[in-house]
C-alpha atoms as a PDB file:
ATOM      1  CA  UNK A   1     122.696  30.309-106.219  1.00  0.00           C
ATOM      2  CA  UNK A   2     126.345  30.540-106.892  1.00  0.00           C
ATOM      3  CA  UNK A   3     128.499  27.496-107.731  1.00  0.00           C
ATOM      4  CA  UNK A   4     131.138  29.065-105.443  1.00  0.00           C
ATOM      5  CA  UNK A   5     129.170  28.221-102.344  1.00  0.00           C
ATOM      6  CA  UNK A   6     128.891  24.556-103.359  1.00  0.00           C
ATOM      7  CA  UNK A   7     132.551  24.409-104.223  1.00  0.00           C
ATOM      8  CA  UNK A   8     133.362  25.894-100.768  1.00  0.00           C
ATOM      9  CA  UNK A   9     131.565  22.925 -99.261  1.00  0.00           C
ATOM     10  CA  UNK A  10     133.798  20.569-101.207  1.00  0.00           C
ATOM     11  CA  UNK A  11     136.882  22.594-100.107  1.00  0.00           C
ATOM     12  CA  UNK A  12     136.170  22.224 -96.422  1.00  0.00           C
ATOM     13  CA  UNK A  13     135.404  18.475 -96.722  1.00  0.00           C
ATOM     14  CA  UNK A  14     131.704  18.741 -96.226  1.00  0.00           C
ATOM     15  CA  UNK A  15     131.080  16.695 -99.385  1.00  0.00           C
ATOM     16  CA  UNK A  16     132.323  13.136 -98.987  1.00  0.00           C
ATOM     17  CA  UNK A  17     132.565  10.210-101.496  1.00  0.00           C
ATOM     18  CA  UNK A  18     132.362   6.583-100.416  1.00  0.00           C
ATOM     19  CA  UNK A  19     129.612   4.250 -99.305  1.00  0.00           C
ATOM     20  CA  UNK A  20     127.211   5.771 -96.846  1.00  0.00           C
ATOM     21  CA  UNK A  21     123.986   4.714 -95.318  1.00  0.00           C
ATOM     22  CA  UNK A  22     121.698   7.786 -94.930  1.00  0.00           C
ATOM     23  CA  UNK A  23     119.101   8.190 -92.031  1.00  0.00           C
ATOM     24  CA  UNK A  24     116.404   7.081 -94.575  1.00  0.00           C
ATOM     25  CA  UNK A  25     118.229   3.800 -94.938  1.00  0.00           C
ATOM     26  CA  UNK A  26     119.173   4.633 -98.525  1.00  0.00           C
ATOM     27  CA  UNK A  27     122.663   3.758 -99.607  1.00  0.00           C
ATOM     28  CA  UNK A  28     124.569   6.610-101.219  1.00  0.00           C
ATOM     29  CA  UNK A  29     127.996   7.197-102.725  1.00  0.00           C
ATOM     30  CA  UNK A  30     127.746  10.815-101.652  1.00  0.00           C
ATOM     31  CA  UNK A  31     127.422  12.355 -98.145  1.00  0.00           C
ATOM     32  CA  UNK A  32     126.928  15.952 -97.430  1.00  0.00           C
ATOM     33  CA  UNK A  33     127.956  16.869 -93.874  1.00  0.00           C
ATOM     34  CA  UNK A  34     126.942  20.416 -93.277  1.00  0.00           C
ATOM     35  CA  UNK A  35     127.936  20.125 -89.586  1.00  0.00           C
ATOM     36  CA  UNK A  36     131.422  20.967 -90.854  1.00  0.00           C
ATOM     37  CA  UNK A  37     130.281  24.534 -91.561  1.00  0.00           C
ATOM     38  CA  UNK A  38     130.153  25.466 -87.869  1.00  0.00           C
ATOM     39  CA  UNK A  39     133.927  25.614 -87.908  1.00  0.00           C
ATOM     40  CA  UNK A  40     133.827  28.124 -90.784  1.00  0.00           C
ATOM     41  CA  UNK A  41     131.909  31.199 -89.638  1.00  0.00           C
ATOM     42  CA  UNK A  42     132.079  33.105 -92.956  1.00  0.00           C
ATOM     43  CA  UNK A  43     130.741  30.107 -94.783  1.00  0.00           C
ATOM     44  CA  UNK A  44     128.087  29.483 -92.168  1.00  0.00           C
ATOM     45  CA  UNK A  45     126.978  33.059 -92.671  1.00  0.00           C
ATOM     46  CA  UNK A  46     126.867  32.653 -96.423  1.00  0.00           C
ATOM     47  CA  UNK A  47     124.759  29.557 -96.194  1.00  0.00           C
ATOM     48  CA  UNK A  48     122.439  31.374 -93.696  1.00  0.00           C
ATOM     49  CA  UNK A  49     122.005  34.293 -96.252  1.00  0.00           C
ATOM     50  CA  UNK A  50     121.347  31.878 -99.013  1.00  0.00           C
ATOM     51  CA  UNK A  51     118.597  30.294 -96.851  1.00  0.00           C
ATOM     52  CA  UNK A  52     117.274  33.787 -96.021  1.00  0.00           C
ATOM     53  CA  UNK A  53     117.033  34.695 -99.686  1.00  0.00           C
ATOM     54  CA  UNK A  54     114.707  31.735-100.187  1.00  0.00           C
ATOM     55  CA  UNK A  55     112.308  32.642 -97.282  1.00  0.00           C
ATOM     56  CA  UNK A  56     112.635  36.376 -96.747  1.00  0.00           C
ATOM     57  CA  UNK A  57     109.189  37.057 -98.343  1.00  0.00           C
ATOM     58  CA  UNK A  58     107.447  34.393 -96.270  1.00  0.00           C
ATOM     59  CA  UNK A  59     105.363  35.291 -93.224  1.00  0.00           C
ATOM     60  CA  UNK A  60     106.242  33.387 -90.030  1.00  0.00           C
ATOM     61  CA  UNK A  61     106.420  34.138 -86.282  1.00  0.00           C
ATOM     62  CA  UNK A  62     109.065  31.568 -85.152  1.00  0.00           C
ATOM     63  CA  UNK A  63     111.973  29.653 -86.579  1.00  0.00           C
ATOM     64  CA  UNK A  64     112.765  26.083 -85.503  1.00  0.00           C
ATOM     65  CA  UNK A  65     115.879  24.202 -86.663  1.00  0.00           C
ATOM     66  CA  UNK A  66     115.789  20.394 -86.907  1.00  0.00           C
ATOM     67  CA  UNK A  67     118.165  18.975 -84.306  1.00  0.00           C
ATOM     68  CA  UNK A  68     121.067  19.000 -84.477  1.00  0.00           C
ATOM     69  CA  UNK A  69     122.614  19.999 -87.703  1.00  0.00           C
ATOM     70  CA  UNK A  70     120.121  22.730 -88.540  1.00  0.00           C
ATOM     71  CA  UNK A  71     120.254  24.479 -85.134  1.00  0.00           C
ATOM     72  CA  UNK A  72     123.225  26.679 -86.058  1.00  0.00           C
ATOM     73  CA  UNK A  73     121.468  27.787 -89.269  1.00  0.00           C
ATOM     74  CA  UNK A  74     118.279  28.535 -87.458  1.00  0.00           C
ATOM     75  CA  UNK A  75     120.251  30.421 -84.733  1.00  0.00           C
ATOM     76  CA  UNK A  76     121.983  32.524 -87.417  1.00  0.00           C
ATOM     77  CA  UNK A  77     118.673  33.299 -89.148  1.00  0.00           C
ATOM     78  CA  UNK A  78     117.272  34.351 -85.801  1.00  0.00           C
ATOM     79  CA  UNK A  79     120.130  36.595 -84.908  1.00  0.00           C
ATOM     80  CA  UNK A  80     120.910  38.137 -88.276  1.00  0.00           C
ATOM     81  CA  UNK A  81     117.245  38.823 -89.160  1.00  0.00           C
ATOM     82  CA  UNK A  82     115.659  39.376 -85.714  1.00  0.00           C
ATOM     83  CA  UNK A  83     113.332  36.415 -86.007  1.00  0.00           C
ATOM     84  CA  UNK A  84     112.366  34.680 -82.757  1.00  0.00           C
ATOM     85  CA  UNK A  85     113.415  31.086 -82.506  1.00  0.00           C
ATOM     86  CA  UNK A  86     112.139  27.996 -80.697  1.00  0.00           C
ATOM     87  CA  UNK A  87     114.012  24.711 -80.281  1.00  0.00           C
ATOM     88  CA  UNK A  88     112.815  21.130 -80.404  1.00  0.00           C
ATOM     89  CA  UNK A  89     114.343  18.775 -77.996  1.00  0.00           C
ATOM     90  CA  UNK A  90     115.134  15.345 -79.224  1.00  0.00           C
ATOM     91  CA  UNK A  91     113.791  13.894 -75.936  1.00  0.00           C
ATOM     92  CA  UNK A  92     111.791  15.184 -72.957  1.00  0.00           C
ATOM     93  CA  UNK A  93     113.989  15.656 -69.856  1.00  0.00           C
ATOM     94  CA  UNK A  94     112.832  14.144 -66.607  1.00  0.00           C
ATOM     95  CA  UNK A  95     113.743  17.397 -64.832  1.00  0.00           C
ATOM     96  CA  UNK A  96     113.136  21.072 -65.322  1.00  0.00           C
ATOM     97  CA  UNK A  97     110.139  22.121 -67.447  1.00  0.00           C
ATOM     98  CA  UNK A  98     109.933  18.830 -69.250  1.00  0.00           C
ATOM     99  CA  UNK A  99     109.070  20.632 -72.442  1.00  0.00           C
ATOM    100  CA  UNK A 100     109.696  19.252 -75.962  1.00  0.00           C
ATOM    101  CA  UNK A 101     109.566  22.729 -77.536  1.00  0.00           C
ATOM    102  CA  UNK A 102     111.700  25.340 -75.791  1.00  0.00           C
ATOM    103  CA  UNK A 103     111.359  29.136 -76.250  1.00  0.00           C
ATOM    104  CA  UNK A 104     108.498  31.686 -76.118  1.00  0.00           C
ATOM    105  CA  UNK A 105     105.563  31.142 -78.465  1.00  0.00           C
ATOM    106  CA  UNK A 106     101.776  31.195 -78.542  1.00  0.00           C
ATOM    107  CA  UNK A 107      99.296  28.753 -79.994  1.00  0.00           C
ATOM    108  CA  UNK A 108      98.539  29.863 -83.545  1.00  0.00           C
ATOM    109  CA  UNK A 109     102.011  31.227 -84.202  1.00  0.00           C
ATOM    110  CA  UNK A 110     103.445  30.166 -87.590  1.00  0.00           C
ATOM    111  CA  UNK A 111     106.736  28.363 -87.440  1.00  0.00           C
ATOM    112  CA  UNK A 112     109.306  28.016 -90.249  1.00  0.00           C
ATOM    113  CA  UNK A 113     111.201  24.741 -90.037  1.00  0.00           C
ATOM    114  CA  UNK A 114     114.947  24.886 -91.054  1.00  0.00           C
ATOM    115  CA  UNK A 115     116.894  21.765 -92.069  1.00  0.00           C
ATOM    116  CA  UNK A 116     120.292  21.267 -93.656  1.00  0.00           C
ATOM    117  CA  UNK A 117     119.082  18.836 -96.352  1.00  0.00           C
ATOM    118  CA  UNK A 118     116.179  16.662 -97.284  1.00  0.00           C
ATOM    119  CA  UNK A 119     116.217  13.122 -98.471  1.00  0.00           C
ATOM    120  CA  UNK A 120     112.980  11.386 -97.421  1.00  0.00           C
ATOM    121  CA  UNK A 121     111.797  14.121 -95.091  1.00  0.00           C
ATOM    122  CA  UNK A 122     111.707  11.920 -92.036  1.00  0.00           C
ATOM    123  CA  UNK A 123     113.715  14.239 -89.767  1.00  0.00           C
ATOM    124  CA  UNK A 124     111.565  17.164 -90.822  1.00  0.00           C
ATOM    125  CA  UNK A 125     108.374  15.345 -89.978  1.00  0.00           C
ATOM    126  CA  UNK A 126     109.973  14.490 -86.596  1.00  0.00           C
ATOM    127  CA  UNK A 127     110.209  18.159 -85.944  1.00  0.00           C
ATOM    128  CA  UNK A 128     106.909  19.261 -87.481  1.00  0.00           C
ATOM    129  CA  UNK A 129     104.859  16.858 -85.286  1.00  0.00           C
ATOM    130  CA  UNK A 130     105.827  18.280 -81.823  1.00  0.00           C
ATOM    131  CA  UNK A 131     105.768  21.900 -83.183  1.00  0.00           C
ATOM    132  CA  UNK A 132     102.212  21.404 -84.288  1.00  0.00           C
ATOM    133  CA  UNK A 133     101.311  19.578 -81.118  1.00  0.00           C
ATOM    134  CA  UNK A 134     102.504  22.618 -79.196  1.00  0.00           C
ATOM    135  CA  UNK A 135      99.911  24.647 -81.078  1.00  0.00           C
ATOM    136  CA  UNK A 136     101.974  26.337 -83.795  1.00  0.00           C
ATOM    137  CA  UNK A 137     101.307  26.087 -87.490  1.00  0.00           C
ATOM    138  CA  UNK A 138     103.815  24.872 -89.987  1.00  0.00           C
ATOM    139  CA  UNK A 139     103.471  25.796 -93.645  1.00  0.00           C
ATOM    140  CA  UNK A 140     107.028  26.221 -94.910  1.00  0.00           C
ATOM    141  CA  UNK A 141     110.322  24.372 -94.644  1.00  0.00           C
ATOM    142  CA  UNK A 142     113.706  25.689 -95.904  1.00  0.00           C
ATOM    143  CA  UNK A 143     116.661  23.437 -96.614  1.00  0.00           C
ATOM    144  CA  UNK A 144     120.017  24.100 -98.077  1.00  0.00           C
ATOM    145  CA  UNK A 145     120.013  20.935-100.261  1.00  0.00           C
ATOM    146  CA  UNK A 146     117.260  18.857-101.702  1.00  0.00           C
ATOM    147  CA  UNK A 147     118.716  15.410-102.468  1.00  0.00           C
ATOM    148  CA  UNK A 148     115.765  14.867-104.857  1.00  0.00           C
ATOM    149  CA  UNK A 149     114.882  11.526-103.356  1.00  0.00           C
ATOM    150  CA  UNK A 150     111.194  11.998-102.636  1.00  0.00           C
ATOM    151  CA  UNK A 151     111.234  14.304 -99.583  1.00  0.00           C
ATOM    152  CA  UNK A 152     109.790  17.230-101.343  1.00  0.00           C
ATOM    153  CA  UNK A 153     106.839  15.112-102.627  1.00  0.00           C
ATOM    154  CA  UNK A 154     106.172  13.716 -99.201  1.00  0.00           C
ATOM    155  CA  UNK A 155     106.027  17.187 -97.698  1.00  0.00           C
ATOM    156  CA  UNK A 156     103.784  18.558-100.529  1.00  0.00           C
ATOM    157  CA  UNK A 157     101.358  15.536-100.121  1.00  0.00           C
ATOM    158  CA  UNK A 158     100.814  16.726 -96.566  1.00  0.00           C
ATOM    159  CA  UNK A 159     100.315  20.384 -97.571  1.00  0.00           C
ATOM    160  CA  UNK A 160     103.766  21.788 -96.692  1.00  0.00           C
ATOM    161  CA  UNK A 161     105.933  23.958 -99.004  1.00  0.00           C
ATOM    162  CA  UNK A 162     109.661  23.172 -99.422  1.00  0.00           C
ATOM    163  CA  UNK A 163     112.174  25.913-100.278  1.00  0.00           C
ATOM    164  CA  UNK A 164     115.596  24.697-101.199  1.00  0.00           C
ATOM    165  CA  UNK A 165     118.726  26.659-101.911  1.00  0.00           C
ATOM    166  CA  UNK A 166     120.306  23.929-104.140  1.00  0.00           C
ATOM    167  CA  UNK A 167     119.453  20.457-105.449  1.00  0.00           C
ATOM    168  CA  UNK A 168     121.574  17.366-105.828  1.00  0.00           C
ATOM    169  CA  UNK A 169     121.429  17.877-109.652  1.00  0.00           C
ATOM    170  CA  UNK A 170     122.961  21.327-109.208  1.00  0.00           C
ATOM    171  CA  UNK A 171     125.602  20.013-106.840  1.00  0.00           C
ATOM    172  CA  UNK A 172     126.631  17.217-109.208  1.00  0.00           C
ATOM    173  CA  UNK A 173     126.803  19.577-112.177  1.00  0.00           C
ATOM    174  CA  UNK A 174     128.934  21.978-110.255  1.00  0.00           C
ATOM    175  CA  UNK A 175     131.351  19.365-109.028  1.00  0.00           C
ATOM    176  CA  UNK A 176     131.476  17.930-112.554  1.00  0.00           C
ATOM    177  CA  UNK A 177     132.580  21.279-114.166  1.00  0.00           C
ATOM    178  CA  UNK A 178     136.208  21.357-115.377  1.00  0.00           C
END
């Protein structure tokens, strides 16, 4: 993976320094906000292609992005590579179909989970559970950045495989280069 892509994230302000509390409850001096990429279509496409390069050899029937940050990446993967997508709602609506998983799928389909980054893995597990309850199988998860804070191990302990484009170590090395 090219350092250029990581540096582009810094250029657009997606890498922030300060004091942040992550969803996992962990305090961090570094926050990576990949939601910023939706305002930069060429960068969004570059990230999508980097994700695709990690999973292009895998076999899966559907793609599901973790709400909300990963939905644009999952959508781009679906459109650019003709892979059907499903979408997990964060909550069941009291009207309409009342489904938690939207889209066309069949029990037994294999679903690739897409996420922007992983820290503890909590948000990924929040998506895996309803996807599997709907009858699909999950084997693989692809993320842009592994923060290397235990998420990979938690997934692997449950039998899932994590594919990451970059790690926090790579990011820090890249940002530290003169």
